[in-house]
Amino acid sequence: MKAEGLSLDKKLDLRGAYTFQSGIDAGRKLMGQAVKPTAMFCSNDEMAAGVCQAIRETGLEIGNDVSVVGFDNSPLASRMWPALTTVLLPVKAAGRMASVRLLGERLTKEPLDEDRQGEVDPRLVVRASTGPVFRSNDAGKTAP
């Protein structure tokens, strides 16, 4: 966001309990504002499913009027309607890397060098819950 010259509006940063119900609660709060969001990023897919429920209550269309993205690519993400765009973080690979790092540190009795720790890259899994949203001031622009 900083690279694009944007700042975070704290009233749009809501905390939840990683549950479906906390997603509904957060979604209702956000959708109850005078200016409705056009996109929401959720901490996990379960909360994203709750946010989708709150969006449906307003009569808006997910993926058309409001984009929703979850995180963790749970089985729920592909079973929802519309299917949920989500971030896949290879948890097993991250766990293996952490175990190897811990073992290496125990064997050498010193922390591993930052450059040797490796990285696990998240991957965006694009599905139907996201799409370009245009406002009236976007007239004449083409979709990215």
N, C-alpha and C. Protein backbone atom coordinates (compact mmCIF):
# COMPACT_ATOMS: atom_id res chain seq x y z
N MET A 1 0.83 -1.19 0.00
CA MET A 1 0.00 0.00 0.00
C MET A 1 0.87 1.25 0.00
N LYS A 2 1.96 1.19 0.77
CA LYS A 2 2.85 2.35 0.82
C LYS A 2 3.44 2.66 -0.54
N ALA A 3 3.78 1.61 -1.29
CA ALA A 3 4.36 1.80 -2.63
C ALA A 3 3.39 2.51 -3.56
N GLU A 4 2.10 2.36 -3.31
CA GLU A 4 1.07 3.00 -4.12
C GLU A 4 0.61 4.33 -3.53
N GLY A 5 1.26 4.76 -2.44
CA GLY A 5 0.89 6.02 -1.82
C GLY A 5 -0.39 5.96 -1.00
N LEU A 6 -0.77 4.76 -0.57
CA LEU A 6 -2.00 4.57 0.20
C LEU A 6 -1.67 4.36 1.67
N SER A 7 -2.59 4.73 2.52
CA SER A 7 -2.41 4.48 3.95
C SER A 7 -3.59 3.66 4.46
N LEU A 8 -3.39 3.01 5.57
CA LEU A 8 -4.42 2.16 6.15
C LEU A 8 -5.34 2.99 7.03
N ASP A 9 -6.62 2.93 6.76
CA ASP A 9 -7.63 3.57 7.60
C ASP A 9 -7.92 2.60 8.75
N LYS A 10 -7.57 2.97 9.96
CA LYS A 10 -7.68 2.07 11.11
C LYS A 10 -9.11 1.56 11.33
N LYS A 11 -10.12 2.31 10.95
CA LYS A 11 -11.49 1.82 11.17
C LYS A 11 -11.86 0.71 10.18
N LEU A 12 -11.01 0.48 9.19
CA LEU A 12 -11.24 -0.61 8.24
C LEU A 12 -10.45 -1.87 8.60
N ASP A 13 -9.61 -1.77 9.63
CA ASP A 13 -8.78 -2.89 10.08
C ASP A 13 -9.45 -3.50 11.31
N LEU A 14 -10.29 -4.49 11.08
CA LEU A 14 -11.05 -5.12 12.17
C LEU A 14 -10.41 -6.44 12.57
N ARG A 15 -10.48 -6.73 13.85
CA ARG A 15 -9.92 -7.99 14.36
C ARG A 15 -11.04 -9.00 14.57
N GLY A 16 -10.75 -10.24 14.31
CA GLY A 16 -11.73 -11.30 14.50
C GLY A 16 -11.11 -12.45 15.28
N ALA A 17 -11.88 -13.49 15.45
CA ALA A 17 -11.45 -14.65 16.23
C ALA A 17 -11.18 -15.85 15.33
N TYR A 18 -10.95 -15.61 14.04
CA TYR A 18 -10.69 -16.67 13.07
C TYR A 18 -11.86 -17.64 12.93
N THR A 19 -13.08 -17.16 13.20
CA THR A 19 -14.27 -18.00 13.11
C THR A 19 -15.23 -17.42 12.07
N PHE A 20 -16.16 -18.27 11.63
CA PHE A 20 -17.20 -17.86 10.70
C PHE A 20 -17.99 -16.69 11.29
N GLN A 21 -18.38 -16.81 12.56
CA GLN A 21 -19.20 -15.76 13.19
C GLN A 21 -18.44 -14.44 13.29
N SER A 22 -17.15 -14.48 13.60
CA SER A 22 -16.41 -13.21 13.68
C SER A 22 -16.28 -12.58 12.30
N GLY A 23 -16.27 -13.40 11.24
CA GLY A 23 -16.29 -12.88 9.87
C GLY A 23 -17.61 -12.19 9.57
N ILE A 24 -18.72 -12.82 9.99
CA ILE A 24 -20.04 -12.19 9.81
C ILE A 24 -20.07 -10.85 10.54
N ASP A 25 -19.62 -10.84 11.78
CA ASP A 25 -19.66 -9.61 12.59
C ASP A 25 -18.83 -8.49 11.95
N ALA A 26 -17.61 -8.82 11.54
CA ALA A 26 -16.75 -7.82 10.90
C ALA A 26 -17.34 -7.36 9.57
N GLY A 27 -17.85 -8.31 8.79
CA GLY A 27 -18.45 -7.98 7.50
C GLY A 27 -19.65 -7.05 7.66
N ARG A 28 -20.49 -7.34 8.64
CA ARG A 28 -21.66 -6.48 8.88
C ARG A 28 -21.23 -5.07 9.27
N LYS A 29 -20.20 -4.99 10.09
CA LYS A 29 -19.72 -3.66 10.51
C LYS A 29 -19.20 -2.88 9.31
N LEU A 30 -18.40 -3.54 8.48
CA LEU A 30 -17.85 -2.86 7.30
C LEU A 30 -18.93 -2.51 6.28
N MET A 31 -19.85 -3.42 6.06
CA MET A 31 -20.91 -3.18 5.08
C MET A 31 -21.95 -2.18 5.59
N GLY A 32 -21.94 -1.90 6.89
CA GLY A 32 -22.86 -0.92 7.47
C GLY A 32 -22.37 0.51 7.36
N GLN A 33 -21.17 0.70 6.85
CA GLN A 33 -20.62 2.05 6.71
C GLN A 33 -21.26 2.75 5.51
N ALA A 34 -21.22 4.06 5.55
CA ALA A 34 -21.81 4.85 4.46
C ALA A 34 -21.14 4.53 3.13
N VAL A 35 -19.82 4.46 3.13
CA VAL A 35 -19.08 4.09 1.92
C VAL A 35 -18.66 2.64 2.11
N LYS A 36 -19.22 1.77 1.31
CA LYS A 36 -18.98 0.34 1.44
C LYS A 36 -17.65 -0.03 0.78
N PRO A 37 -16.93 -0.95 1.38
CA PRO A 37 -15.66 -1.37 0.77
C PRO A 37 -15.91 -2.13 -0.54
N THR A 38 -14.95 -2.08 -1.42
CA THR A 38 -15.04 -2.82 -2.67
C THR A 38 -14.21 -4.09 -2.63
N ALA A 39 -13.41 -4.25 -1.56
CA ALA A 39 -12.59 -5.45 -1.41
C ALA A 39 -12.30 -5.67 0.06
N MET A 40 -12.22 -6.95 0.45
CA MET A 40 -11.89 -7.31 1.83
C MET A 40 -10.90 -8.46 1.83
N PHE A 41 -9.87 -8.34 2.65
CA PHE A 41 -8.89 -9.40 2.84
C PHE A 41 -9.07 -9.94 4.24
N CYS A 42 -9.24 -11.24 4.36
CA CYS A 42 -9.54 -11.87 5.65
C CYS A 42 -8.37 -12.73 6.10
N SER A 43 -8.23 -12.87 7.42
CA SER A 43 -7.11 -13.60 8.00
C SER A 43 -7.14 -15.10 7.74
N ASN A 44 -8.31 -15.64 7.46
CA ASN A 44 -8.40 -17.05 7.08
C ASN A 44 -9.67 -17.26 6.25
N ASP A 45 -9.80 -18.43 5.69
CA ASP A 45 -10.95 -18.71 4.82
C ASP A 45 -12.26 -18.80 5.59
N GLU A 46 -12.20 -19.25 6.83
CA GLU A 46 -13.40 -19.36 7.65
C GLU A 46 -14.02 -17.98 7.88
N MET A 47 -13.18 -17.00 8.21
CA MET A 47 -13.67 -15.63 8.38
C MET A 47 -14.17 -15.07 7.05
N ALA A 48 -13.48 -15.39 5.97
CA ALA A 48 -13.90 -14.91 4.65
C ALA A 48 -15.29 -15.43 4.31
N ALA A 49 -15.58 -16.68 4.68
CA ALA A 49 -16.92 -17.23 4.44
C ALA A 49 -17.97 -16.43 5.21
N GLY A 50 -17.64 -16.02 6.45
CA GLY A 50 -18.56 -15.19 7.22
C GLY A 50 -18.74 -13.82 6.61
N VAL A 51 -17.66 -13.23 6.12
CA VAL A 51 -17.73 -11.93 5.45
C VAL A 51 -18.63 -12.04 4.22
N CYS A 52 -18.51 -13.13 3.48
CA CYS A 52 -19.37 -13.33 2.30
C CYS A 52 -20.84 -13.38 2.71
N GLN A 53 -21.13 -14.02 3.82
CA GLN A 53 -22.51 -14.06 4.31
C GLN A 53 -23.02 -12.63 4.58
N ALA A 54 -22.20 -11.82 5.24
CA ALA A 54 -22.59 -10.43 5.54
C ALA A 54 -22.80 -9.63 4.26
N ILE A 55 -21.97 -9.86 3.25
CA ILE A 55 -22.12 -9.15 1.98
C ILE A 55 -23.43 -9.55 1.30
N ARG A 56 -23.74 -10.85 1.32
CA ARG A 56 -25.00 -11.33 0.71
C ARG A 56 -26.21 -10.66 1.36
N GLU A 57 -26.15 -10.42 2.66
CA GLU A 57 -27.26 -9.79 3.38
C GLU A 57 -27.56 -8.38 2.86
N THR A 58 -26.56 -7.73 2.26
CA THR A 58 -26.76 -6.39 1.75
C THR A 58 -27.31 -6.40 0.32
N GLY A 59 -27.32 -7.57 -0.30
CA GLY A 59 -27.78 -7.68 -1.68
C GLY A 59 -26.69 -7.43 -2.71
N LEU A 60 -25.46 -7.19 -2.26
CA LEU A 60 -24.36 -7.00 -3.19
C LEU A 60 -23.82 -8.35 -3.66
N GLU A 61 -23.18 -8.35 -4.81
CA GLU A 61 -22.67 -9.58 -5.41
C GLU A 61 -21.17 -9.73 -5.15
N ILE A 62 -20.81 -10.86 -4.57
CA ILE A 62 -19.41 -11.16 -4.28
C ILE A 62 -18.70 -11.45 -5.60
N GLY A 63 -17.56 -10.83 -5.79
CA GLY A 63 -16.78 -11.00 -7.01
C GLY A 63 -17.12 -9.97 -8.07
N ASN A 64 -18.25 -9.31 -7.90
CA ASN A 64 -18.64 -8.27 -8.84
C ASN A 64 -18.65 -6.92 -8.12
N ASP A 65 -19.47 -6.80 -7.07
CA ASP A 65 -19.54 -5.55 -6.31
C ASP A 65 -18.45 -5.46 -5.25
N VAL A 66 -18.14 -6.59 -4.64
CA VAL A 66 -17.15 -6.65 -3.57
C VAL A 66 -16.28 -7.88 -3.78
N SER A 67 -14.97 -7.69 -3.78
CA SER A 67 -14.03 -8.80 -3.86
C SER A 67 -13.68 -9.27 -2.45
N VAL A 68 -13.55 -10.58 -2.28
CA VAL A 68 -13.20 -11.15 -0.98
C VAL A 68 -12.04 -12.13 -1.18
N VAL A 69 -11.03 -12.00 -0.33
CA VAL A 69 -9.87 -12.89 -0.36
C VAL A 69 -9.68 -13.46 1.03
N GLY A 70 -9.47 -14.77 1.09
CA GLY A 70 -9.18 -15.44 2.35
C GLY A 70 -7.70 -15.76 2.44
N PHE A 71 -7.36 -16.56 3.43
CA PHE A 71 -5.97 -16.95 3.63
C PHE A 71 -5.93 -18.35 4.22
N ASP A 72 -5.33 -19.27 3.56
CA ASP A 72 -4.95 -20.61 3.98
C ASP A 72 -5.39 -21.69 3.01
N ASN A 73 -6.20 -21.33 2.02
CA ASN A 73 -6.64 -22.26 0.99
C ASN A 73 -7.19 -23.57 1.59
N SER A 74 -8.08 -23.42 2.55
CA SER A 74 -8.73 -24.58 3.16
C SER A 74 -9.67 -25.22 2.15
N PRO A 75 -10.11 -26.44 2.38
CA PRO A 75 -11.07 -27.08 1.47
C PRO A 75 -12.34 -26.25 1.29
N LEU A 76 -12.71 -25.49 2.32
CA LEU A 76 -13.89 -24.63 2.24
C LEU A 76 -13.81 -23.64 1.08
N ALA A 77 -12.61 -23.15 0.78
CA ALA A 77 -12.44 -22.11 -0.24
C ALA A 77 -12.95 -22.55 -1.61
N SER A 78 -12.70 -23.77 -1.98
CA SER A 78 -13.14 -24.23 -3.31
C SER A 78 -14.59 -24.72 -3.30
N ARG A 79 -15.17 -24.90 -2.12
CA ARG A 79 -16.54 -25.40 -2.01
C ARG A 79 -17.58 -24.29 -1.87
N MET A 80 -17.13 -23.08 -1.60
CA MET A 80 -18.05 -21.94 -1.44
C MET A 80 -18.61 -21.52 -2.80
N TRP A 81 -19.69 -20.73 -2.75
CA TRP A 81 -20.21 -20.14 -3.96
C TRP A 81 -20.37 -18.66 -3.76
N PRO A 82 -19.68 -17.82 -4.51
CA PRO A 82 -18.67 -18.22 -5.48
C PRO A 82 -17.42 -18.74 -4.76
N ALA A 83 -16.65 -19.53 -5.48
CA ALA A 83 -15.41 -20.07 -4.92
C ALA A 83 -14.51 -18.92 -4.48
N LEU A 84 -13.83 -19.14 -3.36
CA LEU A 84 -13.08 -18.08 -2.70
C LEU A 84 -11.65 -17.96 -3.21
N THR A 85 -11.27 -16.75 -3.62
CA THR A 85 -9.86 -16.46 -3.88
C THR A 85 -9.16 -16.48 -2.53
N THR A 86 -7.99 -17.09 -2.48
CA THR A 86 -7.32 -17.24 -1.19
C THR A 86 -5.81 -17.28 -1.40
N VAL A 87 -5.08 -17.13 -0.31
CA VAL A 87 -3.63 -17.21 -0.33
C VAL A 87 -3.22 -18.57 0.20
N LEU A 88 -2.46 -19.30 -0.58
CA LEU A 88 -1.95 -20.61 -0.18
C LEU A 88 -0.56 -20.42 0.39
N LEU A 89 -0.39 -20.82 1.63
CA LEU A 89 0.93 -20.82 2.26
C LEU A 89 1.26 -22.28 2.53
N PRO A 90 2.27 -22.80 1.88
CA PRO A 90 2.60 -24.21 2.06
C PRO A 90 3.06 -24.49 3.50
N VAL A 91 2.09 -24.77 4.37
CA VAL A 91 2.35 -24.93 5.80
C VAL A 91 3.29 -26.11 6.07
N LYS A 92 3.09 -27.22 5.37
CA LYS A 92 3.96 -28.38 5.59
C LYS A 92 5.41 -28.05 5.25
N ALA A 93 5.60 -27.34 4.14
CA ALA A 93 6.96 -26.97 3.74
C ALA A 93 7.56 -26.01 4.77
N ALA A 94 6.76 -25.07 5.26
CA ALA A 94 7.25 -24.13 6.27
C ALA A 94 7.62 -24.88 7.55
N GLY A 95 6.81 -25.86 7.92
CA GLY A 95 7.09 -26.66 9.12
C GLY A 95 8.37 -27.46 8.96
N ARG A 96 8.55 -28.06 7.79
CA ARG A 96 9.79 -28.83 7.55
C ARG A 96 11.01 -27.92 7.63
N MET A 97 10.89 -26.72 7.04
CA MET A 97 12.03 -25.80 7.07
C MET A 97 12.33 -25.36 8.49
N ALA A 98 11.30 -25.13 9.29
CA ALA A 98 11.52 -24.73 10.68
C ALA A 98 12.18 -25.86 11.46
N SER A 99 11.77 -27.10 11.19
CA SER A 99 12.37 -28.25 11.88
C SER A 99 13.83 -28.40 11.51
N VAL A 100 14.15 -28.26 10.23
CA VAL A 100 15.53 -28.36 9.78
C VAL A 100 16.37 -27.25 10.40
N ARG A 101 15.80 -26.05 10.45
CA ARG A 101 16.52 -24.92 11.05
C ARG A 101 16.81 -25.19 12.53
N LEU A 102 15.80 -25.65 13.27
CA LEU A 102 15.97 -25.95 14.69
C LEU A 102 17.01 -27.04 14.89
N LEU A 103 16.95 -28.09 14.09
CA LEU A 103 17.92 -29.16 14.18
C LEU A 103 19.32 -28.65 13.90
N GLY A 104 19.46 -27.84 12.85
CA GLY A 104 20.76 -27.27 12.51
C GLY A 104 21.33 -26.41 13.63
N GLU A 105 20.47 -25.62 14.25
CA GLU A 105 20.92 -24.77 15.36
C GLU A 105 21.34 -25.60 16.56
N ARG A 106 20.63 -26.70 16.81
CA ARG A 106 20.99 -27.57 17.94
C ARG A 106 22.31 -28.28 17.68
N LEU A 107 22.51 -28.73 16.45
CA LEU A 107 23.75 -29.43 16.11
C LEU A 107 24.96 -28.51 16.14
N THR A 108 24.79 -27.29 15.65
CA THR A 108 25.91 -26.35 15.58
C THR A 108 26.03 -25.47 16.80
N LYS A 109 25.02 -25.48 17.65
CA LYS A 109 24.98 -24.67 18.87
C LYS A 109 25.01 -23.17 18.58
N GLU A 110 24.61 -22.78 17.37
CA GLU A 110 24.51 -21.36 17.03
C GLU A 110 23.40 -21.15 16.00
N PRO A 111 22.84 -19.93 15.97
CA PRO A 111 21.74 -19.67 15.02
C PRO A 111 22.22 -19.77 13.58
N LEU A 112 21.34 -20.26 12.73
CA LEU A 112 21.67 -20.33 11.31
C LEU A 112 21.74 -18.94 10.72
N ASP A 113 22.58 -18.78 9.74
CA ASP A 113 22.73 -17.52 9.02
C ASP A 113 21.41 -17.19 8.32
N GLU A 114 20.97 -15.95 8.38
CA GLU A 114 19.70 -15.51 7.75
C GLU A 114 19.62 -15.94 6.29
N ASP A 115 20.74 -15.89 5.56
CA ASP A 115 20.73 -16.23 4.14
C ASP A 115 20.53 -17.71 3.90
N ARG A 116 20.73 -18.54 4.91
CA ARG A 116 20.62 -19.98 4.75
C ARG A 116 19.30 -20.53 5.26
N GLN A 117 18.39 -19.69 5.72
CA GLN A 117 17.15 -20.17 6.31
C GLN A 117 16.12 -20.59 5.28
N GLY A 118 16.17 -20.08 4.09
CA GLY A 118 15.20 -20.43 3.07
C GLY A 118 13.91 -19.65 3.23
N GLU A 119 13.07 -19.74 2.24
CA GLU A 119 11.80 -19.03 2.26
C GLU A 119 10.70 -19.94 1.72
N VAL A 120 9.51 -19.71 2.21
CA VAL A 120 8.33 -20.40 1.68
C VAL A 120 7.45 -19.31 1.08
N ASP A 121 7.26 -19.37 -0.22
CA ASP A 121 6.51 -18.33 -0.91
C ASP A 121 5.02 -18.62 -0.91
N PRO A 122 4.23 -17.65 -0.46
CA PRO A 122 2.78 -17.82 -0.57
C PRO A 122 2.37 -17.68 -2.04
N ARG A 123 1.21 -18.26 -2.38
CA ARG A 123 0.72 -18.20 -3.75
C ARG A 123 -0.75 -17.80 -3.73
N LEU A 124 -1.10 -16.85 -4.56
CA LEU A 124 -2.48 -16.42 -4.67
C LEU A 124 -3.24 -17.41 -5.56
N VAL A 125 -4.33 -17.97 -5.02
CA VAL A 125 -5.18 -18.89 -5.77
C VAL A 125 -6.43 -18.10 -6.15
N VAL A 126 -6.49 -17.67 -7.39
CA VAL A 126 -7.57 -16.79 -7.85
C VAL A 126 -8.79 -17.63 -8.23
N ARG A 127 -9.92 -17.24 -7.62
CA ARG A 127 -11.19 -17.90 -7.92
C ARG A 127 -12.23 -16.80 -8.15
N ALA A 128 -13.50 -17.16 -8.12
CA ALA A 128 -14.57 -16.25 -8.53
C ALA A 128 -14.94 -15.16 -7.52
N SER A 129 -14.40 -15.18 -6.31
CA SER A 129 -14.80 -14.17 -5.32
C SER A 129 -14.11 -12.82 -5.52
N THR A 130 -13.26 -12.72 -6.53
CA THR A 130 -12.59 -11.45 -6.80
C THR A 130 -12.78 -11.05 -8.26
N GLY A 131 -12.76 -9.77 -8.48
CA GLY A 131 -12.88 -9.23 -9.83
C GLY A 131 -12.67 -7.74 -9.78
N PRO A 132 -12.48 -7.12 -10.92
CA PRO A 132 -12.29 -5.67 -10.93
C PRO A 132 -13.57 -4.96 -10.52
N VAL A 133 -13.42 -3.93 -9.74
CA VAL A 133 -14.56 -3.11 -9.32
C VAL A 133 -14.33 -1.71 -9.85
N PHE A 134 -15.30 -1.19 -10.58
CA PHE A 134 -15.19 0.15 -11.13
C PHE A 134 -16.21 1.05 -10.47
N ARG A 135 -15.82 2.27 -10.22
CA ARG A 135 -16.73 3.27 -9.69
C ARG A 135 -17.03 4.27 -10.79
N SER A 136 -17.97 5.14 -10.54
CA SER A 136 -18.40 6.09 -11.57
C SER A 136 -17.24 6.95 -12.08
N ASN A 137 -16.24 7.22 -11.25
CA ASN A 137 -15.12 8.04 -11.71
C ASN A 137 -14.12 7.23 -12.54
N ASP A 138 -14.41 5.94 -12.77
CA ASP A 138 -13.55 5.10 -13.58
C ASP A 138 -14.01 5.04 -15.03
N ALA A 139 -15.01 5.82 -15.39
CA ALA A 139 -15.56 5.77 -16.75
C ALA A 139 -14.45 5.96 -17.77
N GLY A 140 -14.45 5.13 -18.78
CA GLY A 140 -13.47 5.24 -19.84
C GLY A 140 -12.20 4.46 -19.58
N LYS A 141 -12.01 3.97 -18.35
CA LYS A 141 -10.81 3.19 -18.05
C LYS A 141 -11.06 1.74 -18.39
N THR A 142 -9.99 1.04 -18.70
CA THR A 142 -10.12 -0.38 -18.96
C THR A 142 -9.70 -1.17 -17.74
N ALA A 143 -10.19 -2.39 -17.65
CA ALA A 143 -9.85 -3.24 -16.51
C ALA A 143 -8.37 -3.57 -16.54
N PRO A 144 -7.74 -3.64 -15.37
CA PRO A 144 -6.31 -3.98 -15.32
C PRO A 144 -6.07 -5.41 -15.73
